[in-house]
Amino acid sequence: TAVCSTRNVDMARSIGADHVIDYKQENFSRN
Protein backbone atom coordinates (compact mmCIF):
# COMPACT_ATOMS: atom_id res chain seq x y z
CA THR A 1 0.00 0.00 0.00
CA ALA A 2 1.57 3.26 -1.16
CA VAL A 3 0.87 6.62 0.45
CA CYS A 4 1.38 9.65 -1.79
CA SER A 5 -0.28 12.85 -2.98
CA THR A 6 -3.12 13.03 -5.49
CA ARG A 7 -0.84 13.90 -8.40
CA ASN A 8 1.25 10.73 -7.86
CA VAL A 9 -1.48 8.11 -7.40
CA ASP A 10 -1.24 6.81 -10.98
CA MET A 11 2.55 6.71 -10.86
CA ALA A 12 2.46 4.69 -7.61
CA ARG A 13 0.16 2.17 -9.27
CA SER A 14 2.36 2.05 -12.37
CA ILE A 15 5.40 0.97 -10.32
CA GLY A 16 3.49 -1.87 -8.70
CA ALA A 17 1.58 -0.61 -5.65
CA ASP A 18 -1.40 -2.88 -4.99
CA HIS A 19 -3.27 -0.15 -3.10
CA VAL A 20 -2.75 3.60 -3.00
CA ILE A 21 -3.78 6.05 -0.31
CA ASP A 22 -3.96 9.70 -1.30
CA TYR A 23 -2.83 11.39 1.92
CA LYS A 24 -4.78 14.51 0.96
CA GLN A 25 -8.00 12.45 1.05
CA GLU A 26 -7.37 9.83 3.72
CA ASN A 27 -5.28 9.44 6.89
CA PHE A 28 -3.60 6.03 6.84
CA SER A 29 -3.49 5.92 10.64
CA ARG A 30 -7.23 6.45 11.07
CA ASN A 31 -8.72 4.25 8.33
PDB file of all heavy atoms in Angstrom:
ATOM      1  N   THR A   1       0.869  -1.165   0.000  1.00  0.00           N
ATOM      2  CA  THR A   1       0.000   0.000   0.000  1.00  0.00           C
ATOM      3  C   THR A   1       0.907   1.216   0.000  1.00  0.00           C
ATOM      4  O   THR A   1       1.743   1.379   0.896  1.00  0.00           O
ATOM      5  CB  THR A   1      -0.919   0.024   1.237  1.00  0.00           C
ATOM      6  OG1 THR A   1      -1.751  -1.135   1.222  1.00  0.00           O
ATOM      7  CG2 THR A   1      -1.791   1.274   1.251  1.00  0.00           C
ATOM      8  N   ALA A   2       0.750   2.053  -1.010  1.00  0.00           N
ATOM      9  CA  ALA A   2       1.573   3.256  -1.159  1.00  0.00           C
ATOM     10  C   ALA A   2       0.797   4.462  -0.668  1.00  0.00           C
ATOM     11  O   ALA A   2      -0.405   4.580  -0.926  1.00  0.00           O
ATOM     12  CB  ALA A   2       1.954   3.439  -2.628  1.00  0.00           C
ATOM     13  N   VAL A   3       1.476   5.364   0.031  1.00  0.00           N
ATOM     14  CA  VAL A   3       0.875   6.623   0.450  1.00  0.00           C
ATOM     15  C   VAL A   3       1.598   7.734  -0.296  1.00  0.00           C
ATOM     16  O   VAL A   3       2.831   7.829  -0.246  1.00  0.00           O
ATOM     17  CB  VAL A   3       0.995   6.828   1.978  1.00  0.00           C
ATOM     18  CG1 VAL A   3       0.379   8.169   2.379  1.00  0.00           C
ATOM     19  CG2 VAL A   3       0.334   5.683   2.733  1.00  0.00           C
ATOM     20  N   CYS A   4       0.814   8.554  -1.014  1.00  0.00           N
ATOM     21  CA  CYS A   4       1.379   9.654  -1.788  1.00  0.00           C
ATOM     22  C   CYS A   4       0.315  10.711  -2.008  1.00  0.00           C
ATOM     23  O   CYS A   4      -0.834  10.544  -1.587  1.00  0.00           O
ATOM     24  CB  CYS A   4       1.927   9.141  -3.124  1.00  0.00           C
ATOM     25  SG  CYS A   4       0.698   8.373  -4.194  1.00  0.00           S
ATOM     26  N   SER A   5       0.669  11.783  -2.690  1.00  0.00           N
ATOM     27  CA  SER A   5      -0.281  12.852  -2.984  1.00  0.00           C
ATOM     28  C   SER A   5      -1.117  12.495  -4.207  1.00  0.00           C
ATOM     29  O   SER A   5      -0.790  11.585  -4.974  1.00  0.00           O
ATOM     30  CB  SER A   5       0.454  14.174  -3.223  1.00  0.00           C
ATOM     31  OG  SER A   5       1.239  14.081  -4.389  1.00  0.00           O
ATOM     32  N   THR A   6      -2.177  13.244  -4.385  1.00  0.00           N
ATOM     33  CA  THR A   6      -3.123  13.028  -5.486  1.00  0.00           C
ATOM     34  C   THR A   6      -2.423  12.942  -6.838  1.00  0.00           C
ATOM     35  O   THR A   6      -2.689  12.042  -7.631  1.00  0.00           O
ATOM     36  CB  THR A   6      -4.155  14.178  -5.528  1.00  0.00           C
ATOM     37  OG1 THR A   6      -4.728  14.337  -4.227  1.00  0.00           O
ATOM     38  CG2 THR A   6      -5.236  13.913  -6.546  1.00  0.00           C
ATOM     39  N   ARG A   7      -1.486  13.851  -7.080  1.00  0.00           N
ATOM     40  CA  ARG A   7      -0.839  13.897  -8.399  1.00  0.00           C
ATOM     41  C   ARG A   7       0.031  12.683  -8.688  1.00  0.00           C
ATOM     42  O   ARG A   7       0.402  12.451  -9.835  1.00  0.00           O
ATOM     43  CB  ARG A   7      -0.032  15.176  -8.572  1.00  0.00           C
ATOM     44  CG  ARG A   7       1.207  15.245  -7.713  1.00  0.00           C
ATOM     45  CD  ARG A   7       1.902  16.590  -7.877  1.00  0.00           C
ATOM     46  NE  ARG A   7       3.047  16.659  -6.988  1.00  0.00           N
ATOM     47  CZ  ARG A   7       4.272  16.908  -7.390  1.00  0.00           C
ATOM     48  NH1 ARG A   7       4.514  17.116  -8.675  1.00  0.00           N
ATOM     49  NH2 ARG A   7       5.253  16.969  -6.532  1.00  0.00           N
ATOM     50  N   ASN A   8       0.370  11.880  -7.663  1.00  0.00           N
ATOM     51  CA  ASN A   8       1.253  10.734  -7.862  1.00  0.00           C
ATOM     52  C   ASN A   8       0.568   9.375  -7.726  1.00  0.00           C
ATOM     53  O   ASN A   8       1.245   8.342  -7.777  1.00  0.00           O
ATOM     54  CB  ASN A   8       2.420  10.825  -6.873  1.00  0.00           C
ATOM     55  CG  ASN A   8       3.290  12.022  -7.148  1.00  0.00           C
ATOM     56  OD1 ASN A   8       3.612  12.327  -8.296  1.00  0.00           O
ATOM     57  ND2 ASN A   8       3.661  12.739  -6.107  1.00  0.00           N
ATOM     58  N   VAL A   9      -0.741   9.372  -7.578  1.00  0.00           N
ATOM     59  CA  VAL A   9      -1.481   8.115  -7.401  1.00  0.00           C
ATOM     60  C   VAL A   9      -1.260   7.169  -8.583  1.00  0.00           C
ATOM     61  O   VAL A   9      -0.952   5.981  -8.396  1.00  0.00           O
ATOM     62  CB  VAL A   9      -2.982   8.395  -7.169  1.00  0.00           C
ATOM     63  CG1 VAL A   9      -3.825   7.135  -7.322  1.00  0.00           C
ATOM     64  CG2 VAL A   9      -3.199   9.023  -5.795  1.00  0.00           C
ATOM     65  N   ASP A  10      -1.414   7.672  -9.800  1.00  0.00           N
ATOM     66  CA  ASP A  10      -1.243   6.814 -10.982  1.00  0.00           C
ATOM     67  C   ASP A  10       0.187   6.293 -11.098  1.00  0.00           C
ATOM     68  O   ASP A  10       0.415   5.143 -11.453  1.00  0.00           O
ATOM     69  CB  ASP A  10      -1.640   7.556 -12.263  1.00  0.00           C
ATOM     70  CG  ASP A  10      -3.141   7.802 -12.343  1.00  0.00           C
ATOM     71  OD1 ASP A  10      -3.908   7.054 -11.696  1.00  0.00           O
ATOM     72  OD2 ASP A  10      -3.546   8.748 -13.049  1.00  0.00           O
ATOM     73  N   MET A  11       1.158   7.141 -10.791  1.00  0.00           N
ATOM     74  CA  MET A  11       2.548   6.711 -10.856  1.00  0.00           C
ATOM     75  C   MET A  11       2.802   5.594  -9.848  1.00  0.00           C
ATOM     76  O   MET A  11       3.468   4.611 -10.160  1.00  0.00           O
ATOM     77  CB  MET A  11       3.487   7.892 -10.613  1.00  0.00           C
ATOM     78  CG  MET A  11       4.959   7.554 -10.824  1.00  0.00           C
ATOM     79  SD  MET A  11       5.802   7.022  -9.333  1.00  0.00           S
ATOM     80  CE  MET A  11       5.805   8.512  -8.400  1.00  0.00           C
ATOM     81  N   ALA A  12       2.271   5.726  -8.630  1.00  0.00           N
ATOM     82  CA  ALA A  12       2.462   4.691  -7.609  1.00  0.00           C
ATOM     83  C   ALA A  12       1.881   3.357  -8.081  1.00  0.00           C
ATOM     84  O   ALA A  12       2.492   2.304  -7.886  1.00  0.00           O
ATOM     85  CB  ALA A  12       1.835   5.121  -6.289  1.00  0.00           C
ATOM     86  N   ARG A  13       0.741   3.405  -8.718  1.00  0.00           N
ATOM     87  CA  ARG A  13       0.156   2.165  -9.271  1.00  0.00           C
ATOM     88  C   ARG A  13       1.024   1.607 -10.391  1.00  0.00           C
ATOM     89  O   ARG A  13       1.232   0.400 -10.493  1.00  0.00           O
ATOM     90  CB  ARG A  13      -1.253   2.427  -9.786  1.00  0.00           C
ATOM     91  CG  ARG A  13      -2.272   2.563  -8.703  1.00  0.00           C
ATOM     92  CD  ARG A  13      -3.709   2.537  -9.243  1.00  0.00           C
ATOM     93  NE  ARG A  13      -4.637   2.666  -8.153  1.00  0.00           N
ATOM     94  CZ  ARG A  13      -5.306   3.784  -7.856  1.00  0.00           C
ATOM     95  NH1 ARG A  13      -5.161   4.866  -8.606  1.00  0.00           N
ATOM     96  NH2 ARG A  13      -6.116   3.830  -6.823  1.00  0.00           N
ATOM     97  N   SER A  14       1.575   2.502 -11.221  1.00  0.00           N
ATOM     98  CA  SER A  14       2.357   2.045 -12.374  1.00  0.00           C
ATOM     99  C   SER A  14       3.659   1.355 -11.966  1.00  0.00           C
ATOM    100  O   SER A  14       4.192   0.554 -12.728  1.00  0.00           O
ATOM    101  CB  SER A  14       2.658   3.212 -13.321  1.00  0.00           C
ATOM    102  OG  SER A  14       3.677   4.046 -12.794  1.00  0.00           O
ATOM    103  N   ILE A  15       4.171   1.636 -10.768  1.00  0.00           N
ATOM    104  CA  ILE A  15       5.404   0.974 -10.320  1.00  0.00           C
ATOM    105  C   ILE A  15       5.111  -0.249  -9.460  1.00  0.00           C
ATOM    106  O   ILE A  15       6.039  -0.857  -8.925  1.00  0.00           O
ATOM    107  CB  ILE A  15       6.356   1.949  -9.594  1.00  0.00           C
ATOM    108  CG1 ILE A  15       5.707   2.554  -8.359  1.00  0.00           C
ATOM    109  CG2 ILE A  15       6.860   3.008 -10.557  1.00  0.00           C
ATOM    110  CD1 ILE A  15       6.661   3.359  -7.487  1.00  0.00           C
ATOM    111  N   GLY A  16       3.812  -0.602  -9.332  1.00  0.00           N
ATOM    112  CA  GLY A  16       3.493  -1.867  -8.695  1.00  0.00           C
ATOM    113  C   GLY A  16       2.684  -1.837  -7.421  1.00  0.00           C
ATOM    114  O   GLY A  16       2.345  -2.896  -6.886  1.00  0.00           O
ATOM    115  N   ALA A  17       2.360  -0.651  -6.886  1.00  0.00           N
ATOM    116  CA  ALA A  17       1.578  -0.610  -5.648  1.00  0.00           C
ATOM    117  C   ALA A  17       0.233  -1.304  -5.852  1.00  0.00           C
ATOM    118  O   ALA A  17      -0.451  -1.058  -6.843  1.00  0.00           O
ATOM    119  CB  ALA A  17       1.373   0.827  -5.190  1.00  0.00           C
ATOM    120  N   ASP A  18      -0.119  -2.185  -4.918  1.00  0.00           N
ATOM    121  CA  ASP A  18      -1.403  -2.880  -4.986  1.00  0.00           C
ATOM    122  C   ASP A  18      -2.558  -1.974  -4.576  1.00  0.00           C
ATOM    123  O   ASP A  18      -3.663  -2.087  -5.093  1.00  0.00           O
ATOM    124  CB  ASP A  18      -1.377  -4.105  -4.058  1.00  0.00           C
ATOM    125  CG  ASP A  18      -0.298  -5.087  -4.459  1.00  0.00           C
ATOM    126  OD1 ASP A  18      -0.425  -5.688  -5.542  1.00  0.00           O
ATOM    127  OD2 ASP A  18       0.690  -5.242  -3.711  1.00  0.00           O
ATOM    128  N   HIS A  19      -2.278  -1.099  -3.614  1.00  0.00           N
ATOM    129  CA  HIS A  19      -3.271  -0.151  -3.103  1.00  0.00           C
ATOM    130  C   HIS A  19      -2.577   1.190  -2.957  1.00  0.00           C
ATOM    131  O   HIS A  19      -1.385   1.236  -2.653  1.00  0.00           O
ATOM    132  CB  HIS A  19      -3.805  -0.597  -1.735  1.00  0.00           C
ATOM    133  CG  HIS A  19      -4.156  -2.047  -1.674  1.00  0.00           C
ATOM    134  ND1 HIS A  19      -5.328  -2.552  -2.173  1.00  0.00           N
ATOM    135  CD2 HIS A  19      -3.451  -3.104  -1.197  1.00  0.00           C
ATOM    136  CE1 HIS A  19      -5.339  -3.868  -1.993  1.00  0.00           C
ATOM    137  NE2 HIS A  19      -4.215  -4.221  -1.408  1.00  0.00           N
ATOM    138  N   VAL A  20      -3.325   2.270  -3.144  1.00  0.00           N
ATOM    139  CA  VAL A  20      -2.748   3.601  -3.001  1.00  0.00           C
ATOM    140  C   VAL A  20      -3.658   4.445  -2.128  1.00  0.00           C
ATOM    141  O   VAL A  20      -4.873   4.479  -2.337  1.00  0.00           O
ATOM    142  CB  VAL A  20      -2.547   4.289  -4.375  1.00  0.00           C
ATOM    143  CG1 VAL A  20      -1.924   5.667  -4.199  1.00  0.00           C
ATOM    144  CG2 VAL A  20      -1.682   3.433  -5.290  1.00  0.00           C
ATOM    145  N   ILE A  21      -3.062   5.107  -1.159  1.00  0.00           N
ATOM    146  CA  ILE A  21      -3.784   6.049  -0.312  1.00  0.00           C
ATOM    147  C   ILE A  21      -3.302   7.445  -0.662  1.00  0.00           C
ATOM    148  O   ILE A  21      -2.104   7.736  -0.583  1.00  0.00           O
ATOM    149  CB  ILE A  21      -3.527   5.768   1.189  1.00  0.00           C
ATOM    150  CG1 ILE A  21      -4.092   4.391   1.569  1.00  0.00           C
ATOM    151  CG2 ILE A  21      -4.130   6.867   2.058  1.00  0.00           C
ATOM    152  CD1 ILE A  21      -3.741   3.958   2.988  1.00  0.00           C
ATOM    153  N   ASP A  22      -4.237   8.292  -1.052  1.00  0.00           N
ATOM    154  CA  ASP A  22      -3.957   9.700  -1.300  1.00  0.00           C
ATOM    155  C   ASP A  22      -4.010  10.397   0.055  1.00  0.00           C
ATOM    156  O   ASP A  22      -5.081  10.529   0.649  1.00  0.00           O
ATOM    157  CB  ASP A  22      -5.000  10.264  -2.257  1.00  0.00           C
ATOM    158  CG  ASP A  22      -4.865  11.747  -2.517  1.00  0.00           C
ATOM    159  OD1 ASP A  22      -4.059  12.429  -1.832  1.00  0.00           O
ATOM    160  OD2 ASP A  22      -5.576  12.243  -3.404  1.00  0.00           O
ATOM    161  N   TYR A  23      -2.859  10.831   0.574  1.00  0.00           N
ATOM    162  CA  TYR A  23      -2.835  11.394   1.921  1.00  0.00           C
ATOM    163  C   TYR A  23      -3.634  12.684   2.041  1.00  0.00           C
ATOM    164  O   TYR A  23      -3.990  13.098   3.146  1.00  0.00           O
ATOM    165  CB  TYR A  23      -1.405  11.585   2.430  1.00  0.00           C
ATOM    166  CG  TYR A  23      -0.594  12.649   1.745  1.00  0.00           C
ATOM    167  CD1 TYR A  23      -0.777  14.009   2.014  1.00  0.00           C
ATOM    168  CD2 TYR A  23       0.389  12.313   0.836  1.00  0.00           C
ATOM    169  CE1 TYR A  23      -0.031  14.977   1.394  1.00  0.00           C
ATOM    170  CE2 TYR A  23       1.156  13.273   0.216  1.00  0.00           C
ATOM    171  CZ  TYR A  23       0.939  14.600   0.492  1.00  0.00           C
ATOM    172  OH  TYR A  23       1.698  15.559  -0.129  1.00  0.00           O
ATOM    173  N   LYS A  24      -3.959  13.306   0.910  1.00  0.00           N
ATOM    174  CA  LYS A  24      -4.783  14.511   0.958  1.00  0.00           C
ATOM    175  C   LYS A  24      -6.257  14.168   1.178  1.00  0.00           C
ATOM    176  O   LYS A  24      -7.042  15.022   1.561  1.00  0.00           O
ATOM    177  CB  LYS A  24      -4.610  15.317  -0.328  1.00  0.00           C
ATOM    178  CG  LYS A  24      -3.210  15.902  -0.465  1.00  0.00           C
ATOM    179  CD  LYS A  24      -3.076  16.738  -1.713  1.00  0.00           C
ATOM    180  CE  LYS A  24      -1.677  17.336  -1.765  1.00  0.00           C
ATOM    181  NZ  LYS A  24      -1.527  18.255  -2.888  1.00  0.00           N
ATOM    182  N   GLN A  25      -6.613  12.904   0.921  1.00  0.00           N
ATOM    183  CA  GLN A  25      -8.003  12.454   1.049  1.00  0.00           C
ATOM    184  C   GLN A  25      -8.238  11.537   2.244  1.00  0.00           C
ATOM    185  O   GLN A  25      -9.367  11.420   2.718  1.00  0.00           O
ATOM    186  CB  GLN A  25      -8.425  11.703  -0.228  1.00  0.00           C
ATOM    187  CG  GLN A  25      -8.242  12.467  -1.508  1.00  0.00           C
ATOM    188  CD  GLN A  25      -9.131  13.683  -1.591  1.00  0.00           C
ATOM    189  OE1 GLN A  25     -10.273  13.644  -1.166  1.00  0.00           O
ATOM    190  NE2 GLN A  25      -8.609  14.784  -2.113  1.00  0.00           N
ATOM    191  N   GLU A  26      -7.190  10.861   2.706  1.00  0.00           N
ATOM    192  CA  GLU A  26      -7.374   9.826   3.723  1.00  0.00           C
ATOM    193  C   GLU A  26      -6.139   9.760   4.627  1.00  0.00           C
ATOM    194  O   GLU A  26      -5.010   9.829   4.149  1.00  0.00           O
ATOM    195  CB  GLU A  26      -7.573   8.480   3.018  1.00  0.00           C
ATOM    196  CG  GLU A  26      -7.791   7.311   3.918  1.00  0.00           C
ATOM    197  CD  GLU A  26      -7.968   6.000   3.130  1.00  0.00           C
ATOM    198  OE1 GLU A  26      -8.133   6.033   1.891  1.00  0.00           O
ATOM    199  OE2 GLU A  26      -7.939   4.958   3.776  1.00  0.00           O
ATOM    200  N   ASN A  27      -6.366   9.591   5.921  1.00  0.00           N
ATOM    201  CA  ASN A  27      -5.285   9.445   6.888  1.00  0.00           C
ATOM    202  C   ASN A  27      -5.058   7.952   7.115  1.00  0.00           C
ATOM    203  O   ASN A  27      -5.928   7.267   7.643  1.00  0.00           O
ATOM    204  CB  ASN A  27      -5.651  10.140   8.198  1.00  0.00           C
ATOM    205  CG  ASN A  27      -4.553  10.087   9.227  1.00  0.00           C
ATOM    206  OD1 ASN A  27      -3.714   9.186   9.223  1.00  0.00           O
ATOM    207  ND2 ASN A  27      -4.559  11.051  10.124  1.00  0.00           N
ATOM    208  N   PHE A  28      -3.891   7.447   6.731  1.00  0.00           N
ATOM    209  CA  PHE A  28      -3.600   6.025   6.836  1.00  0.00           C
ATOM    210  C   PHE A  28      -3.736   5.521   8.272  1.00  0.00           C
ATOM    211  O   PHE A  28      -4.062   4.362   8.500  1.00  0.00           O
ATOM    212  CB  PHE A  28      -2.181   5.719   6.333  1.00  0.00           C
ATOM    213  CG  PHE A  28      -1.100   6.093   7.311  1.00  0.00           C
ATOM    214  CD1 PHE A  28      -0.622   5.178   8.232  1.00  0.00           C
ATOM    215  CD2 PHE A  28      -0.564   7.375   7.319  1.00  0.00           C
ATOM    216  CE1 PHE A  28       0.357   5.525   9.145  1.00  0.00           C
ATOM    217  CE2 PHE A  28       0.415   7.728   8.215  1.00  0.00           C
ATOM    218  CZ  PHE A  28       0.875   6.809   9.133  1.00  0.00           C
ATOM    219  N   SER A  29      -3.486   6.375   9.252  1.00  0.00           N
ATOM    220  CA  SER A  29      -3.491   5.924  10.642  1.00  0.00           C
ATOM    221  C   SER A  29      -4.890   5.892  11.252  1.00  0.00           C
ATOM    222  O   SER A  29      -5.070   5.391  12.356  1.00  0.00           O
ATOM    223  CB  SER A  29      -2.570   6.807  11.497  1.00  0.00           C
ATOM    224  OG  SER A  29      -3.144   8.076  11.716  1.00  0.00           O
ATOM    225  N   ARG A  30      -5.876   6.388  10.520  1.00  0.00           N
ATOM    226  CA  ARG A  30      -7.234   6.454  11.068  1.00  0.00           C
ATOM    227  C   ARG A  30      -8.259   5.720  10.204  1.00  0.00           C
ATOM    228  O   ARG A  30      -9.457   5.856  10.418  1.00  0.00           O
ATOM    229  CB  ARG A  30      -7.648   7.899  11.247  1.00  0.00           C
ATOM    230  CG  ARG A  30      -6.712   8.655  12.177  1.00  0.00           C
ATOM    231  CD  ARG A  30      -7.362   9.872  12.759  1.00  0.00           C
ATOM    232  NE  ARG A  30      -6.459  10.583  13.631  1.00  0.00           N
ATOM    233  CZ  ARG A  30      -6.304  10.330  14.925  1.00  0.00           C
ATOM    234  NH1 ARG A  30      -6.983   9.366  15.488  1.00  0.00           N
ATOM    235  NH2 ARG A  30      -5.470  11.060  15.640  1.00  0.00           N
ATOM    236  N   ASN A  31      -7.783   4.932   9.216  1.00  0.00           N
ATOM    237  CA  ASN A  31      -8.720   4.250   8.326  1.00  0.00           C
ATOM    238  C   ASN A  31      -9.068   2.830   8.781  1.00  0.00           C
ATOM    239  O   ASN A  31      -9.811   2.119   8.115  1.00  0.00           O
ATOM    240  CB  ASN A  31      -8.212   4.240   6.873  1.00  0.00           C
ATOM    241  CG  ASN A  31      -6.931   3.456   6.704  1.00  0.00           C
ATOM    242  OD1 ASN A  31      -6.523   2.688   7.567  1.00  0.00           O
ATOM    243  ND2 ASN A  31      -6.289   3.649   5.565  1.00  0.00           N
TER     244      ASN A  31
END
